[in-house]
Amino acid sequence: MYPPVDPIIFQIGPIALRWYGVLMAIAVVMGCQIASREVVRRGQKSDDFWDLLIWVLIPGFLGARLYYVFVQSPPDRLGEYLSNPISILQVWNGGIHIFGGFLLGSIALYLYTRIRRLPTLIFLDAIVLALPLSQAIGRWGNFINQELYGPPTISPLGLRIDAQHRIPPYDDLNAYPESTRFHPLFLYESVWNLIGFGLLFWISRRFASQLRDGDITLLYLIWYPLGRFFIELLRTDSWFFPGTPFNVVHILCAIAILGSALALYGRHRPLSSTQQGN
């Protein structure tokens, strides 16, 4: 399958409205609505959430883009970005990365909630609860841009990629003709995130009385990196450690999964008889 529409909805001179941006906006709006309701459900004011939003979104998008440019992109692309710094701001050309966004956005959220004396973990949980749904929506911008695809596949889900959107060695049409189909990694991740959203939402309601502030965040940091670890093995546009199918993302995923699992266990491990007595 090819993307059904042109990446540019309309253009006036140098200004263009792109599907990538529209889908990102939809993802942010839907995620914010869910997060706002979750904040209220957990006893906080909706106004406090909307006030902090701008202070989190801007650092989050900045971190997501900078991580992609300086960590995720292949060395040859990094040279292009450095030689033309304005291209670093063109998020529709290459995209963004959730790890950088989560890191910088979380730091901004922590600082803001500390200054305003708000419960950091409640607001973080609310945003993280909605985050997988926003990611699931946003990934379809990669489909329209014909990016985030893996190696060739014979799967019926395979994605056809135009020659101008292919990276080496798949731009060799003699070896990989136009009929070649590629793993739709955007679809794999979108589905994984959608399942993750449903699972986190169910857990947040079903086990509400047993959850502690921050638990939803820890569950997300187990679920999402677990899927991303395996999807990343099929990436064709990343920098990898020489002679291996692994990159920096695999290390970060492993750290997030193990660290979050241990933290979650430590928070909820059964008390020994001695501890109960005390």
C-alpha atoms as a PDB file:
ATOM      1  CA  MET A   1       0.000   0.000   0.000  1.00  0.00           C
ATOM      2  CA  TYR A   2       1.019   3.579  -0.623  1.00  0.00           C
ATOM      3  CA  PRO A   3      -0.055   6.528   1.531  1.00  0.00           C
ATOM      4  CA  PRO A   4      -3.476   7.622   0.209  1.00  0.00           C
ATOM      5  CA  VAL A   5      -2.778  11.381   0.300  1.00  0.00           C
ATOM      6  CA  ASP A   6      -0.058  13.914  -0.368  1.00  0.00           C
ATOM      7  CA  PRO A   7       1.922  14.865   2.766  1.00  0.00           C
ATOM      8  CA  ILE A   8       1.085  18.542   2.093  1.00  0.00           C
ATOM      9  CA  ILE A   9      -2.581  19.474   2.460  1.00  0.00           C
ATOM     10  CA  PHE A  10      -2.074  22.900   0.912  1.00  0.00           C
ATOM     11  CA  GLN A  11       0.761  25.370   0.486  1.00  0.00           C
ATOM     12  CA  ILE A  12       0.963  29.138   0.126  1.00  0.00           C
ATOM     13  CA  GLY A  13       4.469  30.198  -0.794  1.00  0.00           C
ATOM     14  CA  PRO A  14       6.913  28.777   1.772  1.00  0.00           C
ATOM     15  CA  ILE A  15       4.099  28.064   4.253  1.00  0.00           C
ATOM     16  CA  ALA A  16       2.639  24.567   4.071  1.00  0.00           C
ATOM     17  CA  LEU A  17       0.030  22.747   6.092  1.00  0.00           C
ATOM     18  CA  ARG A  18       1.140  19.124   6.403  1.00  0.00           C
ATOM     19  CA  TRP A  19      -0.708  16.019   7.483  1.00  0.00           C
ATOM     20  CA  TYR A  20       2.164  15.286   9.867  1.00  0.00           C
ATOM     21  CA  GLY A  21       1.461  18.496  11.754  1.00  0.00           C
ATOM     22  CA  VAL A  22      -2.306  18.004  11.688  1.00  0.00           C
ATOM     23  CA  LEU A  23      -2.030  14.485  13.106  1.00  0.00           C
ATOM     24  CA  MET A  24       0.390  15.662  15.774  1.00  0.00           C
ATOM     25  CA  ALA A  25      -2.058  18.407  16.747  1.00  0.00           C
ATOM     26  CA  ILE A  26      -4.936  15.914  16.947  1.00  0.00           C
ATOM     27  CA  ALA A  27      -2.781  13.610  19.055  1.00  0.00           C
ATOM     28  CA  VAL A  28      -1.902  16.426  21.465  1.00  0.00           C
ATOM     29  CA  VAL A  29      -5.500  17.658  21.790  1.00  0.00           C
ATOM     30  CA  MET A  30      -6.914  14.188  22.459  1.00  0.00           C
ATOM     31  CA  GLY A  31      -4.141  13.359  24.894  1.00  0.00           C
ATOM     32  CA  CYS A  32      -4.610  16.612  26.784  1.00  0.00           C
ATOM     33  CA  GLN A  33      -8.346  16.066  27.122  1.00  0.00           C
ATOM     34  CA  ILE A  34      -7.804  12.634  28.636  1.00  0.00           C
ATOM     35  CA  ALA A  35      -5.018  13.864  30.916  1.00  0.00           C
ATOM     36  CA  SER A  36      -7.128  16.796  32.109  1.00  0.00           C
ATOM     37  CA  ARG A  37      -9.989  14.480  33.089  1.00  0.00           C
ATOM     38  CA  GLU A  38      -7.574  12.159  34.850  1.00  0.00           C
ATOM     39  CA  VAL A  39      -6.180  15.061  36.886  1.00  0.00           C
ATOM     40  CA  VAL A  40      -9.699  15.962  38.018  1.00  0.00           C
ATOM     41  CA  ARG A  41     -10.524  12.320  38.785  1.00  0.00           C
ATOM     42  CA  ARG A  42      -7.535  12.236  41.102  1.00  0.00           C
ATOM     43  CA  GLY A  43      -8.602  15.290  43.051  1.00  0.00           C
ATOM     44  CA  GLN A  44      -6.690  18.079  41.330  1.00  0.00           C
ATOM     45  CA  LYS A  45      -7.823  21.182  39.441  1.00  0.00           C
ATOM     46  CA  SER A  46      -8.163  21.069  35.681  1.00  0.00           C
ATOM     47  CA  ASP A  47      -6.942  24.678  35.469  1.00  0.00           C
ATOM     48  CA  ASP A  48      -3.635  23.654  37.033  1.00  0.00           C
ATOM     49  CA  PHE A  49      -3.148  21.086  34.283  1.00  0.00           C
ATOM     50  CA  TRP A  50      -3.844  23.536  31.465  1.00  0.00           C
ATOM     51  CA  ASP A  51      -1.546  26.107  33.074  1.00  0.00           C
ATOM     52  CA  LEU A  52       1.399  23.711  33.147  1.00  0.00           C
ATOM     53  CA  LEU A  53       0.752  22.329  29.673  1.00  0.00           C
ATOM     54  CA  ILE A  54       2.659  24.925  27.666  1.00  0.00           C
ATOM     55  CA  TRP A  55       5.635  24.596  30.019  1.00  0.00           C
ATOM     56  CA  VAL A  56       5.748  20.858  29.333  1.00  0.00           C
ATOM     57  CA  LEU A  57       4.859  20.697  25.634  1.00  0.00           C
ATOM     58  CA  ILE A  58       7.551  23.074  24.379  1.00  0.00           C
ATOM     59  CA  PRO A  59      10.472  21.386  26.208  1.00  0.00           C
ATOM     60  CA  GLY A  60       8.960  18.009  25.328  1.00  0.00           C
ATOM     61  CA  PHE A  61       8.891  18.692  21.588  1.00  0.00           C
ATOM     62  CA  LEU A  62      12.333  20.305  21.753  1.00  0.00           C
ATOM     63  CA  GLY A  63      13.780  17.283  23.553  1.00  0.00           C
ATOM     64  CA  ALA A  64      12.078  14.877  21.160  1.00  0.00           C
ATOM     65  CA  ARG A  65      13.528  16.621  18.121  1.00  0.00           C
ATOM     66  CA  LEU A  66      17.035  17.081  19.519  1.00  0.00           C
ATOM     67  CA  TYR A  67      17.186  13.424  20.556  1.00  0.00           C
ATOM     68  CA  TYR A  68      16.223  12.337  17.047  1.00  0.00           C
ATOM     69  CA  VAL A  69      18.756  14.619  15.390  1.00  0.00           C
ATOM     70  CA  PHE A  70      21.748  13.935  17.631  1.00  0.00           C
ATOM     71  CA  VAL A  71      21.132  10.343  18.773  1.00  0.00           C
ATOM     72  CA  GLN A  72      18.676   8.512  16.529  1.00  0.00           C
ATOM     73  CA  SER A  73      19.619   9.715  13.052  1.00  0.00           C
ATOM     74  CA  PRO A  74      22.407   7.986  11.092  1.00  0.00           C
ATOM     75  CA  PRO A  75      25.823   9.722  10.977  1.00  0.00           C
ATOM     76  CA  ASP A  76      25.341  10.903   7.383  1.00  0.00           C
ATOM     77  CA  ARG A  77      22.046  12.600   8.292  1.00  0.00           C
ATOM     78  CA  LEU A  78      23.644  14.235  11.326  1.00  0.00           C
ATOM     79  CA  GLY A  79      26.119  15.930   9.013  1.00  0.00           C
ATOM     80  CA  GLU A  80      23.232  17.299   6.948  1.00  0.00           C
ATOM     81  CA  TYR A  81      21.558  18.728  10.049  1.00  0.00           C
ATOM     82  CA  LEU A  82      24.766  20.391  11.236  1.00  0.00           C
ATOM     83  CA  SER A  83      25.514  21.873   7.837  1.00  0.00           C
ATOM     84  CA  ASN A  84      21.978  23.270   7.638  1.00  0.00           C
ATOM     85  CA  PRO A  85      20.876  24.028  11.233  1.00  0.00           C
ATOM     86  CA  ILE A  86      17.466  25.301  10.155  1.00  0.00           C
ATOM     87  CA  SER A  87      16.601  21.729   9.137  1.00  0.00           C
ATOM     88  CA  ILE A  88      16.776  20.738  12.804  1.00  0.00           C
ATOM     89  CA  LEU A  89      13.492  22.597  13.275  1.00  0.00           C
ATOM     90  CA  GLN A  90      11.807  20.771  10.379  1.00  0.00           C
ATOM     91  CA  VAL A  91      10.174  18.024  12.443  1.00  0.00           C
ATOM     92  CA  TRP A  92       8.303  16.684   9.406  1.00  0.00           C
ATOM     93  CA  ASN A  93      11.680  15.792   7.863  1.00  0.00           C
ATOM     94  CA  GLY A  94      12.837  12.827   9.931  1.00  0.00           C
ATOM     95  CA  GLY A  95      10.544  13.311  12.873  1.00  0.00           C
ATOM     96  CA  ILE A  96      10.900  13.263  16.639  1.00  0.00           C
ATOM     97  CA  HIS A  97      11.727  10.691  19.300  1.00  0.00           C
ATOM     98  CA  ILE A  98       9.646   9.945  22.382  1.00  0.00           C
ATOM     99  CA  PHE A  99      12.623   9.299  24.675  1.00  0.00           C
ATOM    100  CA  GLY A 100      13.976  12.826  24.335  1.00  0.00           C
ATOM    101  CA  GLY A 101      10.490  14.269  24.670  1.00  0.00           C
ATOM    102  CA  PHE A 102       9.718  12.222  27.765  1.00  0.00           C
ATOM    103  CA  LEU A 103      13.002  13.148  29.426  1.00  0.00           C
ATOM    104  CA  LEU A 104      12.935  16.902  28.844  1.00  0.00           C
ATOM    105  CA  GLY A 105       9.176  17.111  29.300  1.00  0.00           C
ATOM    106  CA  SER A 106       9.380  15.277  32.645  1.00  0.00           C
ATOM    107  CA  ILE A 107      12.125  17.609  33.869  1.00  0.00           C
ATOM    108  CA  ALA A 108      10.000  20.626  32.915  1.00  0.00           C
ATOM    109  CA  LEU A 109       6.953  19.116  34.634  1.00  0.00           C
ATOM    110  CA  TYR A 110       8.941  18.431  37.798  1.00  0.00           C
ATOM    111  CA  LEU A 111      10.285  21.976  37.971  1.00  0.00           C
ATOM    112  CA  TYR A 112       6.882  23.529  37.305  1.00  0.00           C
ATOM    113  CA  THR A 113       5.023  21.407  39.852  1.00  0.00           C
ATOM    114  CA  ARG A 114       7.699  22.032  42.488  1.00  0.00           C
ATOM    115  CA  ILE A 115       7.452  25.792  41.943  1.00  0.00           C
ATOM    116  CA  ARG A 116       3.643  25.686  42.060  1.00  0.00           C
ATOM    117  CA  ARG A 117       3.621  23.135  44.901  1.00  0.00           C
ATOM    118  CA  LEU A 118       1.546  20.623  42.950  1.00  0.00           C
ATOM    119  CA  PRO A 119       1.738  16.811  43.292  1.00  0.00           C
ATOM    120  CA  THR A 120       4.253  15.949  40.575  1.00  0.00           C
ATOM    121  CA  LEU A 121       3.457  12.241  40.272  1.00  0.00           C
ATOM    122  CA  ILE A 122      -0.296  12.765  39.885  1.00  0.00           C
ATOM    123  CA  PHE A 123       0.210  15.153  36.968  1.00  0.00           C
ATOM    124  CA  LEU A 124       2.885  12.914  35.470  1.00  0.00           C
ATOM    125  CA  ASP A 125       0.612   9.871  35.710  1.00  0.00           C
ATOM    126  CA  ALA A 126      -2.230  11.773  34.037  1.00  0.00           C
ATOM    127  CA  ILE A 127      -0.057  12.767  31.077  1.00  0.00           C
ATOM    128  CA  VAL A 128       1.499   9.316  30.773  1.00  0.00           C
ATOM    129  CA  LEU A 129      -1.926   7.662  30.835  1.00  0.00           C
ATOM    130  CA  ALA A 130      -2.876   9.558  27.675  1.00  0.00           C
ATOM    131  CA  LEU A 131       0.569   9.409  26.062  1.00  0.00           C
ATOM    132  CA  PRO A 132       0.217   6.006  24.312  1.00  0.00           C
ATOM    133  CA  LEU A 133      -2.975   7.129  22.577  1.00  0.00           C
ATOM    134  CA  SER A 134      -1.271  10.295  21.354  1.00  0.00           C
ATOM    135  CA  GLN A 135       1.663   8.216  20.107  1.00  0.00           C
ATOM    136  CA  ALA A 136      -0.679   5.805  18.315  1.00  0.00           C
ATOM    137  CA  ILE A 137      -2.294   8.695  16.444  1.00  0.00           C
ATOM    138  CA  GLY A 138       0.937  10.532  15.703  1.00  0.00           C
ATOM    139  CA  ARG A 139       2.569   7.482  14.118  1.00  0.00           C
ATOM    140  CA  TRP A 140       0.230   7.750  11.137  1.00  0.00           C
ATOM    141  CA  GLY A 141       2.092  10.894  10.151  1.00  0.00           C
ATOM    142  CA  ASN A 142       5.055   8.583   9.488  1.00  0.00           C
ATOM    143  CA  PHE A 143       2.841   6.569   7.137  1.00  0.00           C
ATOM    144  CA  ILE A 144       1.893   9.620   5.094  1.00  0.00           C
ATOM    145  CA  ASN A 145       5.519  10.783   5.007  1.00  0.00           C
ATOM    146  CA  GLN A 146       6.657   7.284   3.948  1.00  0.00           C
ATOM    147  CA  GLU A 147       9.101   6.912   6.830  1.00  0.00           C
ATOM    148  CA  LEU A 148       9.634   4.589   9.790  1.00  0.00           C
ATOM    149  CA  TYR A 149       9.690   1.391   7.746  1.00  0.00           C
ATOM    150  CA  GLY A 150      11.784  -1.724   8.109  1.00  0.00           C
ATOM    151  CA  PRO A 151      13.465  -4.176   5.747  1.00  0.00           C
ATOM    152  CA  PRO A 152      11.629  -5.943   2.903  1.00  0.00           C
ATOM    153  CA  THR A 153       8.852  -8.340   3.804  1.00  0.00           C
ATOM    154  CA  ILE A 154       6.353 -10.620   2.073  1.00  0.00           C
ATOM    155  CA  SER A 155       3.736  -9.907   4.730  1.00  0.00           C
ATOM    156  CA  PRO A 156       0.357  -8.702   3.397  1.00  0.00           C
ATOM    157  CA  LEU A 157       0.811  -5.726   5.725  1.00  0.00           C
ATOM    158  CA  GLY A 158       3.931  -4.717   3.785  1.00  0.00           C
ATOM    159  CA  LEU A 159       4.273  -1.063   2.829  1.00  0.00           C
ATOM    160  CA  ARG A 160       5.327   0.166  -0.604  1.00  0.00           C
ATOM    161  CA  ILE A 161       7.792   3.057  -0.515  1.00  0.00           C
ATOM    162  CA  ASP A 162       8.452   5.476  -3.356  1.00  0.00           C
ATOM    163  CA  ALA A 163      12.019   5.493  -4.651  1.00  0.00           C
ATOM    164  CA  GLN A 164      12.627   9.074  -3.458  1.00  0.00           C
ATOM    165  CA  HIS A 165      11.682   8.119   0.086  1.00  0.00           C
ATOM    166  CA  ARG A 166      13.972   5.108   0.338  1.00  0.00           C
ATOM    167  CA  ILE A 167      17.325   5.024   2.064  1.00  0.00           C
ATOM    168  CA  PRO A 168      20.327   2.923   0.983  1.00  0.00           C
ATOM    169  CA  PRO A 169      20.499   0.128   0.044  1.00  0.00           C
ATOM    170  CA  TYR A 170      16.763   0.033  -0.680  1.00  0.00           C
ATOM    171  CA  ASP A 171      16.962   2.920  -3.145  1.00  0.00           C
ATOM    172  CA  ASP A 172      18.547   0.518  -5.631  1.00  0.00           C
ATOM    173  CA  LEU A 173      15.522  -0.288  -7.807  1.00  0.00           C
ATOM    174  CA  ASN A 174      17.373  -3.085  -9.576  1.00  0.00           C
ATOM    175  CA  ALA A 175      17.775  -4.997  -6.331  1.00  0.00           C
ATOM    176  CA  TYR A 176      14.564  -3.672  -4.770  1.00  0.00           C
ATOM    177  CA  PRO A 177      12.001  -2.904  -7.501  1.00  0.00           C
ATOM    178  CA  GLU A 178       8.975  -0.677  -6.937  1.00  0.00           C
ATOM    179  CA  SER A 179       6.872  -3.717  -6.068  1.00  0.00           C
ATOM    180  CA  THR A 180       9.036  -4.408  -2.980  1.00  0.00           C
ATOM    181  CA  ARG A 181       7.158  -4.143   0.292  1.00  0.00           C
ATOM    182  CA  PHE A 182       8.662  -3.124   3.623  1.00  0.00           C
ATOM    183  CA  HIS A 183       7.781  -3.748   7.256  1.00  0.00           C
ATOM    184  CA  PRO A 184       5.339  -0.993   8.350  1.00  0.00           C
ATOM    185  CA  LEU A 185       7.038  -0.195  11.648  1.00  0.00           C
ATOM    186  CA  PHE A 186       4.784   2.812  12.160  1.00  0.00           C
ATOM    187  CA  LEU A 187       1.813   0.414  12.198  1.00  0.00           C
ATOM    188  CA  TYR A 188       3.444  -2.026  14.599  1.00  0.00           C
ATOM    189  CA  GLU A 189       4.181   0.769  17.045  1.00  0.00           C
ATOM    190  CA  SER A 190       0.784   2.413  16.611  1.00  0.00           C
ATOM    191  CA  VAL A 191      -0.993  -0.846  17.453  1.00  0.00           C
ATOM    192  CA  TRP A 192       1.346  -1.512  20.394  1.00  0.00           C
ATOM    193  CA  ASN A 193       0.630   1.955  21.776  1.00  0.00           C
ATOM    194  CA  LEU A 194      -3.110   1.591  21.292  1.00  0.00           C
ATOM    195  CA  ILE A 195      -3.090  -1.672  23.231  1.00  0.00           C
ATOM    196  CA  GLY A 196      -0.923  -0.011  25.874  1.00  0.00           C
ATOM    197  CA  PHE A 197      -3.387   2.849  26.262  1.00  0.00           C
ATOM    198  CA  GLY A 198      -6.274   0.431  26.722  1.00  0.00           C
ATOM    199  CA  LEU A 199      -4.292  -1.600  29.235  1.00  0.00           C
ATOM    200  CA  LEU A 200      -3.155   1.401  31.295  1.00  0.00           C
ATOM    201  CA  PHE A 201      -6.637   2.885  31.271  1.00  0.00           C
ATOM    202  CA  TRP A 202      -8.149  -0.394  32.468  1.00  0.00           C
ATOM    203  CA  ILE A 203      -5.546  -0.800  35.205  1.00  0.00           C
ATOM    204  CA  SER A 204      -6.050   2.788  36.367  1.00  0.00           C
ATOM    205  CA  ARG A 205      -9.752   2.048  36.933  1.00  0.00           C
ATOM    206  CA  ARG A 206      -9.721  -1.609  37.942  1.00  0.00           C
ATOM    207  CA  PHE A 207      -6.946  -1.256  40.529  1.00  0.00           C
ATOM    208  CA  ALA A 208      -7.438   2.389  41.496  1.00  0.00           C
ATOM    209  CA  SER A 209      -7.480   1.621  45.217  1.00  0.00           C
ATOM    210  CA  GLN A 210      -4.195  -0.296  45.023  1.00  0.00           C
ATOM    211  CA  LEU A 211      -2.200   2.038  42.823  1.00  0.00           C
ATOM    212  CA  ARG A 212       0.199   4.579  44.232  1.00  0.00           C
ATOM    213  CA  ASP A 213       1.064   7.910  42.633  1.00  0.00           C
ATOM    214  CA  GLY A 214       3.656   7.198  39.955  1.00  0.00           C
ATOM    215  CA  ASP A 215       2.615   3.591  39.295  1.00  0.00           C
ATOM    216  CA  ILE A 216       1.004   4.382  35.929  1.00  0.00           C
ATOM    217  CA  THR A 217       4.241   6.046  34.848  1.00  0.00           C
ATOM    218  CA  LEU A 218       6.257   2.988  35.866  1.00  0.00           C
ATOM    219  CA  LEU A 219       3.860   0.681  33.991  1.00  0.00           C
ATOM    220  CA  TYR A 220       4.210   2.819  30.881  1.00  0.00           C
ATOM    221  CA  LEU A 221       7.996   2.694  31.206  1.00  0.00           C
ATOM    222  CA  ILE A 222       7.737  -1.092  31.143  1.00  0.00           C
ATOM    223  CA  TRP A 223       5.133  -1.487  28.394  1.00  0.00           C
ATOM    224  CA  TYR A 224       6.272   0.995  25.772  1.00  0.00           C
ATOM    225  CA  PRO A 225      10.035   0.246  25.878  1.00  0.00           C
ATOM    226  CA  LEU A 226       9.277  -3.488  25.716  1.00  0.00           C
ATOM    227  CA  GLY A 227       7.587  -3.110  22.349  1.00  0.00           C
ATOM    228  CA  ARG A 228      10.020  -0.483  21.146  1.00  0.00           C
ATOM    229  CA  PHE A 229      12.987  -2.756  21.912  1.00  0.00           C
ATOM    230  CA  PHE A 230      11.828  -5.346  19.361  1.00  0.00           C
ATOM    231  CA  ILE A 231      10.511  -2.864  16.806  1.00  0.00           C
ATOM    232  CA  GLU A 232      13.857  -1.089  16.891  1.00  0.00           C
ATOM    233  CA  LEU A 233      15.555  -4.285  15.680  1.00  0.00           C
ATOM    234  CA  LEU A 234      13.846  -3.698  12.324  1.00  0.00           C
ATOM    235  CA  ARG A 235      14.727  -0.018  11.952  1.00  0.00           C
ATOM    236  CA  THR A 236      16.552   0.961   8.773  1.00  0.00           C
ATOM    237  CA  ASP A 237      17.118   4.661   9.496  1.00  0.00           C
ATOM    238  CA  SER A 238      19.032   4.535  12.773  1.00  0.00           C
ATOM    239  CA  TRP A 239      22.661   4.437  13.841  1.00  0.00           C
ATOM    240  CA  PHE A 240      23.645   1.021  15.205  1.00  0.00           C
ATOM    241  CA  PHE A 241      26.632  -0.216  17.148  1.00  0.00           C
ATOM    242  CA  PRO A 242      29.072  -1.650  14.568  1.00  0.00           C
ATOM    243  CA  GLY A 243      28.424  -5.298  13.766  1.00  0.00           C
ATOM    244  CA  THR A 244      25.247  -5.497  15.863  1.00  0.00           C
ATOM    245  CA  PRO A 245      21.502  -4.945  15.389  1.00  0.00           C
ATOM    246  CA  PHE A 246      21.448  -2.807  18.551  1.00  0.00           C
ATOM    247  CA  ASN A 247      21.609   0.926  19.142  1.00  0.00           C
ATOM    248  CA  VAL A 248      21.313   3.447  21.981  1.00  0.00           C
ATOM    249  CA  VAL A 249      17.540   2.966  22.084  1.00  0.00           C
ATOM    250  CA  HIS A 250      17.976  -0.689  23.062  1.00  0.00           C
ATOM    251  CA  ILE A 251      20.131   0.300  26.016  1.00  0.00           C
ATOM    252  CA  LEU A 252      17.626   2.931  27.141  1.00  0.00           C
ATOM    253  CA  CYS A 253      14.737   0.494  26.725  1.00  0.00           C
ATOM    254  CA  ALA A 254      16.492  -2.141  28.834  1.00  0.00           C
ATOM    255  CA  ILE A 255      17.288   0.398  31.552  1.00  0.00           C
ATOM    256  CA  ALA A 256      13.699   1.683  31.583  1.00  0.00           C
ATOM    257  CA  ILE A 257      12.156  -1.799  31.732  1.00  0.00           C
ATOM    258  CA  LEU A 258      14.426  -3.186  34.430  1.00  0.00           C
ATOM    259  CA  GLY A 259      14.493  -0.015  36.498  1.00  0.00           C
ATOM    260  CA  SER A 260      10.725   0.478  36.377  1.00  0.00           C
ATOM    261  CA  ALA A 261       9.988  -3.173  37.109  1.00  0.00           C
ATOM    262  CA  LEU A 262      12.264  -3.127  40.155  1.00  0.00           C
ATOM    263  CA  ALA A 263      10.764   0.147  41.367  1.00  0.00           C
ATOM    264  CA  LEU A 264       7.229  -1.177  40.939  1.00  0.00           C
ATOM    265  CA  TYR A 265       8.087  -4.383  42.783  1.00  0.00           C
ATOM    266  CA  GLY A 266       9.763  -2.443  45.581  1.00  0.00           C
ATOM    267  CA  ARG A 267       6.683  -0.287  45.996  1.00  0.00           C
ATOM    268  CA  HIS A 268       4.269  -3.216  46.231  1.00  0.00           C
ATOM    269  CA  ARG A 269       6.266  -6.125  47.588  1.00  0.00           C
ATOM    270  CA  PRO A 270       4.575  -7.998  50.425  1.00  0.00           C
ATOM    271  CA  LEU A 271       5.722  -7.009  53.890  1.00  0.00           C
ATOM    272  CA  SER A 272       7.483  -9.637  55.960  1.00  0.00           C
ATOM    273  CA  SER A 273       5.978 -10.692  59.286  1.00  0.00           C
ATOM    274  CA  THR A 274       8.626  -8.632  61.097  1.00  0.00           C
ATOM    275  CA  GLN A 275       7.819  -5.528  59.067  1.00  0.00           C
ATOM    276  CA  GLN A 276       4.094  -6.048  59.620  1.00  0.00           C
ATOM    277  CA  GLY A 277       4.687  -6.309  63.360  1.00  0.00           C
ATOM    278  CA  ASN A 278       6.597  -3.088  63.384  1.00  0.00           C
END
